[in-house]
ModelCIF file with pLDDT and N, C-alpha, C, O atoms, coordinates in Angstrom:
data_MODEL
#
_entry.id   MODEL 
#
_entity.id                         1 
_entity.type                       polymer 
_entity.pdbx_number_of_molecules   1 
#
_entity_poly.entity_id                      1 
_entity_poly.type                           'polypeptide(L)' 
_entity_poly.nstd_linkage                   no 
_entity_poly.nstd_monomer                   no 
_entity_poly.pdbx_seq_one_letter_code       
;(UNK)(UNK)(UNK)(UNK)(UNK)(UNK)(UNK)(UNK)(UNK)(UNK)(UNK)(UNK)(UNK)(UNK)(UNK)(UNK)
(UNK)(UNK)(UNK)(UNK)(UNK)(UNK)(UNK)(UNK)(UNK)(UNK)(UNK)(UNK)(UNK)(UNK)(UNK)(UNK)
(UNK)(UNK)(UNK)(UNK)(UNK)(UNK)(UNK)(UNK)(UNK)(UNK)(UNK)(UNK)(UNK)(UNK)
;
_entity_poly.pdbx_seq_one_letter_code_can   XXXXXXXXXXXXXXXXXXXXXXXXXXXXXXXXXXXXXXXXXXXXXX 
_entity_poly.pdbx_strand_id                 A 
#
loop_
_entity_poly_seq.entity_id 
_entity_poly_seq.num 
_entity_poly_seq.mon_id 
_entity_poly_seq.hetero 
1 1  UNK n 
1 2  UNK n 
1 3  UNK n 
1 4  UNK n 
1 5  UNK n 
1 6  UNK n 
1 7  UNK n 
1 8  UNK n 
1 9  UNK n 
1 10 UNK n 
1 11 UNK n 
1 12 UNK n 
1 13 UNK n 
1 14 UNK n 
1 15 UNK n 
1 16 UNK n 
1 17 UNK n 
1 18 UNK n 
1 19 UNK n 
1 20 UNK n 
1 21 UNK n 
1 22 UNK n 
1 23 UNK n 
1 24 UNK n 
1 25 UNK n 
1 26 UNK n 
1 27 UNK n 
1 28 UNK n 
1 29 UNK n 
1 30 UNK n 
1 31 UNK n 
1 32 UNK n 
1 33 UNK n 
1 34 UNK n 
1 35 UNK n 
1 36 UNK n 
1 37 UNK n 
1 38 UNK n 
1 39 UNK n 
1 40 UNK n 
1 41 UNK n 
1 42 UNK n 
1 43 UNK n 
1 44 UNK n 
1 45 UNK n 
1 46 UNK n 
#
_struct_asym.id          A 
_struct_asym.entity_id   1 
#
loop_
_ma_qa_metric.id 
_ma_qa_metric.mode 
_ma_qa_metric.name 
_ma_qa_metric.software_group_id 
_ma_qa_metric.type 
1 global pLDDT . pLDDT 
2 local  pLDDT . pLDDT 
#
_ma_qa_metric_global.metric_id      1 
_ma_qa_metric_global.metric_value   95.96 
_ma_qa_metric_global.model_id       1 
_ma_qa_metric_global.ordinal_id     1 
#
loop_
_ma_qa_metric_local.label_asym_id 
_ma_qa_metric_local.label_comp_id 
_ma_qa_metric_local.label_seq_id 
_ma_qa_metric_local.metric_id 
_ma_qa_metric_local.metric_value 
_ma_qa_metric_local.model_id 
_ma_qa_metric_local.ordinal_id 
A UNK 1  2 97.00 1 1  
A UNK 2  2 97.00 1 2  
A UNK 3  2 96.00 1 3  
A UNK 4  2 97.00 1 4  
A UNK 5  2 96.00 1 5  
A UNK 6  2 96.00 1 6  
A UNK 7  2 95.00 1 7  
A UNK 8  2 94.00 1 8  
A UNK 9  2 95.00 1 9  
A UNK 10 2 96.00 1 10 
A UNK 11 2 94.00 1 11 
A UNK 12 2 95.00 1 12 
A UNK 13 2 96.00 1 13 
A UNK 14 2 97.00 1 14 
A UNK 15 2 98.00 1 15 
A UNK 16 2 97.00 1 16 
A UNK 17 2 98.00 1 17 
A UNK 18 2 98.00 1 18 
A UNK 19 2 98.00 1 19 
A UNK 20 2 98.00 1 20 
A UNK 21 2 98.00 1 21 
A UNK 22 2 98.00 1 22 
A UNK 23 2 98.00 1 23 
A UNK 24 2 98.00 1 24 
A UNK 25 2 98.00 1 25 
A UNK 26 2 97.00 1 26 
A UNK 27 2 94.00 1 27 
A UNK 28 2 93.00 1 28 
A UNK 29 2 95.00 1 29 
A UNK 30 2 96.00 1 30 
A UNK 31 2 96.00 1 31 
A UNK 32 2 96.00 1 32 
A UNK 33 2 98.00 1 33 
A UNK 34 2 98.00 1 34 
A UNK 35 2 98.00 1 35 
A UNK 36 2 98.00 1 36 
A UNK 37 2 98.00 1 37 
A UNK 38 2 97.00 1 38 
A UNK 39 2 96.00 1 39 
A UNK 40 2 91.00 1 40 
A UNK 41 2 89.00 1 41 
A UNK 42 2 93.00 1 42 
A UNK 43 2 93.00 1 43 
A UNK 44 2 92.00 1 44 
A UNK 45 2 95.00 1 45 
A UNK 46 2 93.00 1 46 
#
loop_
_atom_site.group_PDB 
_atom_site.id 
_atom_site.type_symbol 
_atom_site.label_atom_id 
_atom_site.label_alt_id 
_atom_site.label_comp_id 
_atom_site.label_asym_id 
_atom_site.label_entity_id 
_atom_site.label_seq_id 
_atom_site.pdbx_PDB_ins_code 
_atom_site.Cartn_x 
_atom_site.Cartn_y 
_atom_site.Cartn_z 
_atom_site.occupancy 
_atom_site.B_iso_or_equiv 
_atom_site.pdbx_formal_charge 
_atom_site.auth_seq_id 
_atom_site.auth_comp_id 
_atom_site.auth_asym_id 
_atom_site.auth_atom_id 
_atom_site.pdbx_PDB_model_num 
ATOM 1   N N  . UNK A 1 1  ? -1.283 204.944 20.307 1.00 97.00 ? 1  UNK A N  1 
ATOM 2   C CA . UNK A 1 1  ? -1.942 203.657 20.485 1.00 97.00 ? 1  UNK A CA 1 
ATOM 3   C C  . UNK A 1 1  ? -0.907 202.624 20.901 1.00 97.00 ? 1  UNK A C  1 
ATOM 4   O O  . UNK A 1 1  ? 0.161  202.522 20.297 1.00 97.00 ? 1  UNK A O  1 
ATOM 5   N N  . UNK A 1 2  ? -1.230 201.866 21.928 1.00 97.00 ? 2  UNK A N  1 
ATOM 6   C CA . UNK A 1 2  ? -0.368 200.768 22.371 1.00 97.00 ? 2  UNK A CA 1 
ATOM 7   C C  . UNK A 1 2  ? -0.975 199.458 21.892 1.00 97.00 ? 2  UNK A C  1 
ATOM 8   O O  . UNK A 1 2  ? -2.087 199.098 22.279 1.00 97.00 ? 2  UNK A O  1 
ATOM 9   N N  . UNK A 1 3  ? -0.232 198.747 21.042 1.00 96.00 ? 3  UNK A N  1 
ATOM 10  C CA . UNK A 1 3  ? -0.686 197.474 20.503 1.00 96.00 ? 3  UNK A CA 1 
ATOM 11  C C  . UNK A 1 3  ? -0.034 196.315 21.259 1.00 96.00 ? 3  UNK A C  1 
ATOM 12  O O  . UNK A 1 3  ? 1.170  196.333 21.513 1.00 96.00 ? 3  UNK A O  1 
ATOM 13  N N  . UNK A 1 4  ? -0.817 195.332 21.607 1.00 97.00 ? 4  UNK A N  1 
ATOM 14  C CA . UNK A 1 4  ? -0.274 194.098 22.181 1.00 97.00 ? 4  UNK A CA 1 
ATOM 15  C C  . UNK A 1 4  ? 0.465  193.312 21.103 1.00 97.00 ? 4  UNK A C  1 
ATOM 16  O O  . UNK A 1 4  ? 0.292  193.599 19.919 1.00 97.00 ? 4  UNK A O  1 
ATOM 17  N N  . UNK A 1 5  ? 1.279  192.332 21.476 1.00 96.00 ? 5  UNK A N  1 
ATOM 18  C CA . UNK A 1 5  ? 2.024  191.541 20.486 1.00 96.00 ? 5  UNK A CA 1 
ATOM 19  C C  . UNK A 1 5  ? 1.147  190.842 19.457 1.00 96.00 ? 5  UNK A C  1 
ATOM 20  O O  . UNK A 1 5  ? 1.627  190.494 18.378 1.00 96.00 ? 5  UNK A O  1 
ATOM 21  N N  . UNK A 1 6  ? -0.131 190.628 19.767 1.00 96.00 ? 6  UNK A N  1 
ATOM 22  C CA . UNK A 1 6  ? -1.020 189.987 18.791 1.00 96.00 ? 6  UNK A CA 1 
ATOM 23  C C  . UNK A 1 6  ? -1.713 191.002 17.883 1.00 96.00 ? 6  UNK A C  1 
ATOM 24  O O  . UNK A 1 6  ? -2.545 190.621 17.060 1.00 96.00 ? 6  UNK A O  1 
ATOM 25  N N  . UNK A 1 7  ? -1.380 192.290 18.021 1.00 95.00 ? 7  UNK A N  1 
ATOM 26  C CA . UNK A 1 7  ? -1.934 193.315 17.154 1.00 95.00 ? 7  UNK A CA 1 
ATOM 27  C C  . UNK A 1 7  ? -3.218 193.953 17.653 1.00 95.00 ? 7  UNK A C  1 
ATOM 28  O O  . UNK A 1 7  ? -3.730 194.878 17.022 1.00 95.00 ? 7  UNK A O  1 
ATOM 29  N N  . UNK A 1 8  ? -3.746 193.481 18.764 1.00 94.00 ? 8  UNK A N  1 
ATOM 30  C CA . UNK A 1 8  ? -4.943 194.099 19.321 1.00 94.00 ? 8  UNK A CA 1 
ATOM 31  C C  . UNK A 1 8  ? -4.566 195.355 20.104 1.00 94.00 ? 8  UNK A C  1 
ATOM 32  O O  . UNK A 1 8  ? -3.442 195.480 20.590 1.00 94.00 ? 8  UNK A O  1 
ATOM 33  N N  . UNK A 1 9  ? -5.506 196.273 20.220 1.00 95.00 ? 9  UNK A N  1 
ATOM 34  C CA . UNK A 1 9  ? -5.256 197.533 20.911 1.00 95.00 ? 9  UNK A CA 1 
ATOM 35  C C  . UNK A 1 9  ? -5.339 197.328 22.421 1.00 95.00 ? 9  UNK A C  1 
ATOM 36  O O  . UNK A 1 9  ? -6.343 196.840 22.940 1.00 95.00 ? 9  UNK A O  1 
ATOM 37  N N  . UNK A 1 10 ? -4.277 197.705 23.110 1.00 96.00 ? 10 UNK A N  1 
ATOM 38  C CA . UNK A 1 10 ? -4.261 197.631 24.571 1.00 96.00 ? 10 UNK A CA 1 
ATOM 39  C C  . UNK A 1 10 ? -4.876 198.881 25.177 1.00 96.00 ? 10 UNK A C  1 
ATOM 40  O O  . UNK A 1 10 ? -5.720 198.803 26.070 1.00 96.00 ? 10 UNK A O  1 
ATOM 41  N N  . UNK A 1 11 ? -4.438 200.050 24.674 1.00 94.00 ? 11 UNK A N  1 
ATOM 42  C CA . UNK A 1 11 ? -5.019 201.307 25.132 1.00 94.00 ? 11 UNK A CA 1 
ATOM 43  C C  . UNK A 1 11 ? -4.669 202.435 24.189 1.00 94.00 ? 11 UNK A C  1 
ATOM 44  O O  . UNK A 1 11 ? -3.753 202.332 23.373 1.00 94.00 ? 11 UNK A O  1 
ATOM 45  N N  . UNK A 1 12 ? -5.418 203.516 24.319 1.00 95.00 ? 12 UNK A N  1 
ATOM 46  C CA . UNK A 1 12 ? -5.219 204.712 23.514 1.00 95.00 ? 12 UNK A CA 1 
ATOM 47  C C  . UNK A 1 12 ? -5.004 205.890 24.449 1.00 95.00 ? 12 UNK A C  1 
ATOM 48  O O  . UNK A 1 12 ? -5.766 206.089 25.396 1.00 95.00 ? 12 UNK A O  1 
ATOM 49  N N  . UNK A 1 13 ? -3.961 206.673 24.178 1.00 96.00 ? 13 UNK A N  1 
ATOM 50  C CA . UNK A 1 13 ? -3.627 207.830 25.010 1.00 96.00 ? 13 UNK A CA 1 
ATOM 51  C C  . UNK A 1 13 ? -3.875 209.101 24.206 1.00 96.00 ? 13 UNK A C  1 
ATOM 52  O O  . UNK A 1 13 ? -3.187 209.360 23.219 1.00 96.00 ? 13 UNK A O  1 
ATOM 53  N N  . UNK A 1 14 ? -4.846 209.885 24.625 1.00 97.00 ? 14 UNK A N  1 
ATOM 54  C CA . UNK A 1 14 ? -5.195 211.123 23.928 1.00 97.00 ? 14 UNK A CA 1 
ATOM 55  C C  . UNK A 1 14 ? -4.191 212.222 24.263 1.00 97.00 ? 14 UNK A C  1 
ATOM 56  O O  . UNK A 1 14 ? -3.775 212.365 25.413 1.00 97.00 ? 14 UNK A O  1 
ATOM 57  N N  . UNK A 1 15 ? -3.806 212.996 23.248 1.00 98.00 ? 15 UNK A N  1 
ATOM 58  C CA . UNK A 1 15 ? -2.831 214.070 23.395 1.00 98.00 ? 15 UNK A CA 1 
ATOM 59  C C  . UNK A 1 15 ? -3.493 215.425 23.150 1.00 98.00 ? 15 UNK A C  1 
ATOM 60  O O  . UNK A 1 15 ? -4.573 215.492 22.563 1.00 98.00 ? 15 UNK A O  1 
ATOM 61  N N  . UNK A 1 16 ? -2.848 216.502 23.597 1.00 97.00 ? 16 UNK A N  1 
ATOM 62  C CA . UNK A 1 16 ? -3.415 217.842 23.385 1.00 97.00 ? 16 UNK A CA 1 
ATOM 63  C C  . UNK A 1 16 ? -3.080 218.430 22.017 1.00 97.00 ? 16 UNK A C  1 
ATOM 64  O O  . UNK A 1 16 ? -3.244 219.630 21.800 1.00 97.00 ? 16 UNK A O  1 
ATOM 65  N N  . UNK A 1 17 ? -2.614 217.596 21.101 1.00 98.00 ? 17 UNK A N  1 
ATOM 66  C CA . UNK A 1 17 ? -2.271 218.025 19.740 1.00 98.00 ? 17 UNK A CA 1 
ATOM 67  C C  . UNK A 1 17 ? -2.825 217.001 18.761 1.00 98.00 ? 17 UNK A C  1 
ATOM 68  O O  . UNK A 1 17 ? -3.017 215.838 19.116 1.00 98.00 ? 17 UNK A O  1 
ATOM 69  N N  . UNK A 1 18 ? -3.080 217.426 17.535 1.00 98.00 ? 18 UNK A N  1 
ATOM 70  C CA . UNK A 1 18 ? -3.660 216.518 16.547 1.00 98.00 ? 18 UNK A CA 1 
ATOM 71  C C  . UNK A 1 18 ? -2.623 215.787 15.717 1.00 98.00 ? 18 UNK A C  1 
ATOM 72  O O  . UNK A 1 18 ? -2.939 214.786 15.073 1.00 98.00 ? 18 UNK A O  1 
ATOM 73  N N  . UNK A 1 19 ? -1.359 216.282 15.722 1.00 98.00 ? 19 UNK A N  1 
ATOM 74  C CA . UNK A 1 19 ? -0.351 215.729 14.823 1.00 98.00 ? 19 UNK A CA 1 
ATOM 75  C C  . UNK A 1 19 ? 0.868  215.175 15.561 1.00 98.00 ? 19 UNK A C  1 
ATOM 76  O O  . UNK A 1 19 ? 1.973  215.683 15.370 1.00 98.00 ? 19 UNK A O  1 
ATOM 77  N N  . UNK A 1 20 ? 0.698  214.142 16.402 1.00 98.00 ? 20 UNK A N  1 
ATOM 78  C CA . UNK A 1 20 ? 1.889  213.468 16.937 1.00 98.00 ? 20 UNK A CA 1 
ATOM 79  C C  . UNK A 1 20 ? 2.581  212.725 15.803 1.00 98.00 ? 20 UNK A C  1 
ATOM 80  O O  . UNK A 1 20 ? 1.920  212.140 14.944 1.00 98.00 ? 20 UNK A O  1 
ATOM 81  N N  . UNK A 1 21 ? 3.907  212.746 15.797 1.00 98.00 ? 21 UNK A N  1 
ATOM 82  C CA . UNK A 1 21 ? 4.636  212.176 14.669 1.00 98.00 ? 21 UNK A CA 1 
ATOM 83  C C  . UNK A 1 21 ? 5.478  210.954 15.019 1.00 98.00 ? 21 UNK A C  1 
ATOM 84  O O  . UNK A 1 21 ? 5.642  210.056 14.194 1.00 98.00 ? 21 UNK A O  1 
ATOM 85  N N  . UNK A 1 22 ? 6.013  210.916 16.245 1.00 98.00 ? 22 UNK A N  1 
ATOM 86  C CA . UNK A 1 22 ? 6.840  209.761 16.604 1.00 98.00 ? 22 UNK A CA 1 
ATOM 87  C C  . UNK A 1 22 ? 7.004  209.704 18.115 1.00 98.00 ? 22 UNK A C  1 
ATOM 88  O O  . UNK A 1 22 ? 6.655  210.640 18.834 1.00 98.00 ? 22 UNK A O  1 
ATOM 89  N N  . UNK A 1 23 ? 7.549  208.571 18.580 1.00 98.00 ? 23 UNK A N  1 
ATOM 90  C CA . UNK A 1 23 ? 7.687  208.320 20.013 1.00 98.00 ? 23 UNK A CA 1 
ATOM 91  C C  . UNK A 1 23 ? 9.006  207.613 20.297 1.00 98.00 ? 23 UNK A C  1 
ATOM 92  O O  . UNK A 1 23 ? 9.538  206.902 19.445 1.00 98.00 ? 23 UNK A O  1 
ATOM 93  N N  . UNK A 1 24 ? 9.529  207.820 21.516 1.00 98.00 ? 24 UNK A N  1 
ATOM 94  C CA . UNK A 1 24 ? 10.756 207.140 21.942 1.00 98.00 ? 24 UNK A CA 1 
ATOM 95  C C  . UNK A 1 24 ? 10.812 207.128 23.459 1.00 98.00 ? 24 UNK A C  1 
ATOM 96  O O  . UNK A 1 24 ? 10.523 208.137 24.102 1.00 98.00 ? 24 UNK A O  1 
ATOM 97  N N  . UNK A 1 25 ? 11.181 205.992 24.033 1.00 98.00 ? 25 UNK A N  1 
ATOM 98  C CA . UNK A 1 25 ? 11.380 205.922 25.472 1.00 98.00 ? 25 UNK A CA 1 
ATOM 99  C C  . UNK A 1 25 ? 12.753 206.497 25.832 1.00 98.00 ? 25 UNK A C  1 
ATOM 100 O O  . UNK A 1 25 ? 13.723 206.349 25.090 1.00 98.00 ? 25 UNK A O  1 
ATOM 101 N N  . UNK A 1 26 ? 12.803 207.156 26.991 1.00 97.00 ? 26 UNK A N  1 
ATOM 102 C CA . UNK A 1 26 ? 14.064 207.721 27.449 1.00 97.00 ? 26 UNK A CA 1 
ATOM 103 C C  . UNK A 1 26 ? 13.968 208.111 28.905 1.00 97.00 ? 26 UNK A C  1 
ATOM 104 O O  . UNK A 1 26 ? 13.082 207.654 29.628 1.00 97.00 ? 26 UNK A O  1 
ATOM 105 N N  . UNK A 1 27 ? 14.887 208.959 29.329 1.00 94.00 ? 27 UNK A N  1 
ATOM 106 C CA . UNK A 1 27 ? 14.988 209.329 30.727 1.00 94.00 ? 27 UNK A CA 1 
ATOM 107 C C  . UNK A 1 27 ? 15.922 208.390 31.462 1.00 94.00 ? 27 UNK A C  1 
ATOM 108 O O  . UNK A 1 27 ? 16.252 207.316 30.959 1.00 94.00 ? 27 UNK A O  1 
ATOM 109 N N  . UNK A 1 28 ? 16.344 208.784 32.635 1.00 93.00 ? 28 UNK A N  1 
ATOM 110 C CA . UNK A 1 28 ? 17.335 207.994 33.381 1.00 93.00 ? 28 UNK A CA 1 
ATOM 111 C C  . UNK A 1 28 ? 16.861 206.572 33.644 1.00 93.00 ? 28 UNK A C  1 
ATOM 112 O O  . UNK A 1 28 ? 17.669 205.644 33.655 1.00 93.00 ? 28 UNK A O  1 
ATOM 113 N N  . UNK A 1 29 ? 15.560 206.390 33.856 1.00 95.00 ? 29 UNK A N  1 
ATOM 114 C CA . UNK A 1 29 ? 15.019 205.056 34.120 1.00 95.00 ? 29 UNK A CA 1 
ATOM 115 C C  . UNK A 1 29 ? 14.297 204.472 32.909 1.00 95.00 ? 29 UNK A C  1 
ATOM 116 O O  . UNK A 1 29 ? 13.652 203.429 33.015 1.00 95.00 ? 29 UNK A O  1 
ATOM 117 N N  . UNK A 1 30 ? 14.400 205.134 31.765 1.00 96.00 ? 30 UNK A N  1 
ATOM 118 C CA . UNK A 1 30 ? 13.748 204.688 30.520 1.00 96.00 ? 30 UNK A CA 1 
ATOM 119 C C  . UNK A 1 30 ? 12.241 204.525 30.685 1.00 96.00 ? 30 UNK A C  1 
ATOM 120 O O  . UNK A 1 30 ? 11.631 203.649 30.072 1.00 96.00 ? 30 UNK A O  1 
ATOM 121 N N  . UNK A 1 31 ? 11.647 205.381 31.520 1.00 96.00 ? 31 UNK A N  1 
ATOM 122 C CA . UNK A 1 31 ? 10.211 205.274 31.761 1.00 96.00 ? 31 UNK A CA 1 
ATOM 123 C C  . UNK A 1 31 ? 9.441  206.511 31.292 1.00 96.00 ? 31 UNK A C  1 
ATOM 124 O O  . UNK A 1 31 ? 8.264  206.675 31.611 1.00 96.00 ? 31 UNK A O  1 
ATOM 125 N N  . UNK A 1 32 ? 10.115 207.376 30.535 1.00 96.00 ? 32 UNK A N  1 
ATOM 126 C CA . UNK A 1 32 ? 9.449  208.538 29.957 1.00 96.00 ? 32 UNK A CA 1 
ATOM 127 C C  . UNK A 1 32 ? 9.252  208.303 28.469 1.00 96.00 ? 32 UNK A C  1 
ATOM 128 O O  . UNK A 1 32 ? 10.189 207.920 27.768 1.00 96.00 ? 32 UNK A O  1 
ATOM 129 N N  . UNK A 1 33 ? 8.053  208.528 27.993 1.00 98.00 ? 33 UNK A N  1 
ATOM 130 C CA . UNK A 1 33 ? 7.770  208.377 26.573 1.00 98.00 ? 33 UNK A CA 1 
ATOM 131 C C  . UNK A 1 33 ? 7.743  209.773 25.948 1.00 98.00 ? 33 UNK A C  1 
ATOM 132 O O  . UNK A 1 33 ? 6.828  210.559 26.193 1.00 98.00 ? 33 UNK A O  1 
ATOM 133 N N  . UNK A 1 34 ? 8.764  210.067 25.137 1.00 98.00 ? 34 UNK A N  1 
ATOM 134 C CA . UNK A 1 34 ? 8.846  211.350 24.454 1.00 98.00 ? 34 UNK A CA 1 
ATOM 135 C C  . UNK A 1 34 ? 8.046  211.292 23.156 1.00 98.00 ? 34 UNK A C  1 
ATOM 136 O O  . UNK A 1 34 ? 8.039  210.277 22.461 1.00 98.00 ? 34 UNK A O  1 
ATOM 137 N N  . UNK A 1 35 ? 7.377  212.391 22.845 1.00 98.00 ? 35 UNK A N  1 
ATOM 138 C CA . UNK A 1 35 ? 6.510  212.458 21.675 1.00 98.00 ? 35 UNK A CA 1 
ATOM 139 C C  . UNK A 1 35 ? 6.856  213.712 20.870 1.00 98.00 ? 35 UNK A C  1 
ATOM 140 O O  . UNK A 1 35 ? 6.750  214.827 21.382 1.00 98.00 ? 35 UNK A O  1 
ATOM 141 N N  . UNK A 1 36 ? 7.267  213.535 19.615 1.00 98.00 ? 36 UNK A N  1 
ATOM 142 C CA . UNK A 1 36 ? 7.449  214.675 18.728 1.00 98.00 ? 36 UNK A CA 1 
ATOM 143 C C  . UNK A 1 36 ? 6.127  214.978 18.043 1.00 98.00 ? 36 UNK A C  1 
ATOM 144 O O  . UNK A 1 36 ? 5.309  214.085 17.823 1.00 98.00 ? 36 UNK A O  1 
ATOM 145 N N  . UNK A 1 37 ? 5.924  216.250 17.708 1.00 98.00 ? 37 UNK A N  1 
ATOM 146 C CA . UNK A 1 37 ? 4.661  216.658 17.101 1.00 98.00 ? 37 UNK A CA 1 
ATOM 147 C C  . UNK A 1 37 ? 4.928  217.661 15.980 1.00 98.00 ? 37 UNK A C  1 
ATOM 148 O O  . UNK A 1 37 ? 6.059  218.107 15.786 1.00 98.00 ? 37 UNK A O  1 
ATOM 149 N N  . UNK A 1 38 ? 3.880  218.004 15.255 1.00 97.00 ? 38 UNK A N  1 
ATOM 150 C CA . UNK A 1 38 ? 4.008  218.906 14.114 1.00 97.00 ? 38 UNK A CA 1 
ATOM 151 C C  . UNK A 1 38 ? 2.953  220.000 14.161 1.00 97.00 ? 38 UNK A C  1 
ATOM 152 O O  . UNK A 1 38 ? 1.884  219.846 14.752 1.00 97.00 ? 38 UNK A O  1 
ATOM 153 N N  . UNK A 1 39 ? 3.292  221.114 13.515 1.00 96.00 ? 39 UNK A N  1 
ATOM 154 C CA . UNK A 1 39 ? 2.332  222.190 13.294 1.00 96.00 ? 39 UNK A CA 1 
ATOM 155 C C  . UNK A 1 39 ? 2.101  222.400 11.805 1.00 96.00 ? 39 UNK A C  1 
ATOM 156 O O  . UNK A 1 39 ? 1.206  223.144 11.404 1.00 96.00 ? 39 UNK A O  1 
ATOM 157 N N  . UNK A 1 40 ? 2.917  221.737 10.990 1.00 91.00 ? 40 UNK A N  1 
ATOM 158 C CA . UNK A 1 40 ? 2.827  221.855 9.536  1.00 91.00 ? 40 UNK A CA 1 
ATOM 159 C C  . UNK A 1 40 ? 1.432  221.525 9.031  1.00 91.00 ? 40 UNK A C  1 
ATOM 160 O O  . UNK A 1 40 ? 0.873  220.480 9.365  1.00 91.00 ? 40 UNK A O  1 
ATOM 161 N N  . UNK A 1 41 ? 0.873  222.421 8.223  1.00 89.00 ? 41 UNK A N  1 
ATOM 162 C CA . UNK A 1 41 ? -0.425 222.155 7.614  1.00 89.00 ? 41 UNK A CA 1 
ATOM 163 C C  . UNK A 1 41 ? -1.621 222.585 8.432  1.00 89.00 ? 41 UNK A C  1 
ATOM 164 O O  . UNK A 1 41 ? -2.746 222.561 7.932  1.00 89.00 ? 41 UNK A O  1 
ATOM 165 N N  . UNK A 1 42 ? -1.411 222.981 9.685  1.00 93.00 ? 42 UNK A N  1 
ATOM 166 C CA . UNK A 1 42 ? -2.529 223.421 10.514 1.00 93.00 ? 42 UNK A CA 1 
ATOM 167 C C  . UNK A 1 42 ? -2.877 224.878 10.212 1.00 93.00 ? 42 UNK A C  1 
ATOM 168 O O  . UNK A 1 42 ? -1.995 225.695 9.948  1.00 93.00 ? 42 UNK A O  1 
ATOM 169 N N  . UNK A 1 43 ? -4.149 225.185 10.253 1.00 93.00 ? 43 UNK A N  1 
ATOM 170 C CA . UNK A 1 43 ? -4.590 226.564 10.063 1.00 93.00 ? 43 UNK A CA 1 
ATOM 171 C C  . UNK A 1 43 ? -4.258 227.381 11.307 1.00 93.00 ? 43 UNK A C  1 
ATOM 172 O O  . UNK A 1 43 ? -3.938 226.826 12.358 1.00 93.00 ? 43 UNK A O  1 
ATOM 173 N N  . UNK A 1 44 ? -4.336 228.700 11.179 1.00 92.00 ? 44 UNK A N  1 
ATOM 174 C CA . UNK A 1 44 ? -4.109 229.561 12.337 1.00 92.00 ? 44 UNK A CA 1 
ATOM 175 C C  . UNK A 1 44 ? -5.116 229.262 13.432 1.00 92.00 ? 44 UNK A C  1 
ATOM 176 O O  . UNK A 1 44 ? -4.789 229.290 14.618 1.00 92.00 ? 44 UNK A O  1 
ATOM 177 N N  . UNK A 1 45 ? -6.331 228.978 13.027 1.00 95.00 ? 45 UNK A N  1 
ATOM 178 C CA . UNK A 1 45 ? -7.371 228.665 14.005 1.00 95.00 ? 45 UNK A CA 1 
ATOM 179 C C  . UNK A 1 45 ? -7.048 227.373 14.753 1.00 95.00 ? 45 UNK A C  1 
ATOM 180 O O  . UNK A 1 45 ? -7.234 227.283 15.966 1.00 95.00 ? 45 UNK A O  1 
ATOM 181 N N  . UNK A 1 46 ? -6.563 226.376 14.016 1.00 93.00 ? 46 UNK A N  1 
ATOM 182 C CA . UNK A 1 46 ? -6.226 225.088 14.643 1.00 93.00 ? 46 UNK A CA 1 
ATOM 183 C C  . UNK A 1 46 ? -5.058 225.241 15.604 1.00 93.00 ? 46 UNK A C  1 
ATOM 184 O O  . UNK A 1 46 ? -4.635 224.264 16.222 1.00 93.00 ? 46 UNK A O  1 
#
């Protein structure tokens, strides 16, 4: 979720995983948003 400075939601980006854990900008131009995720606690089916 991207929040504007006033706390309102600007947009929501859906991911192919249910457990995103953190984010960080990087890359040579600082325009890539890296996302760490988890598998802990998920069933085999999930």
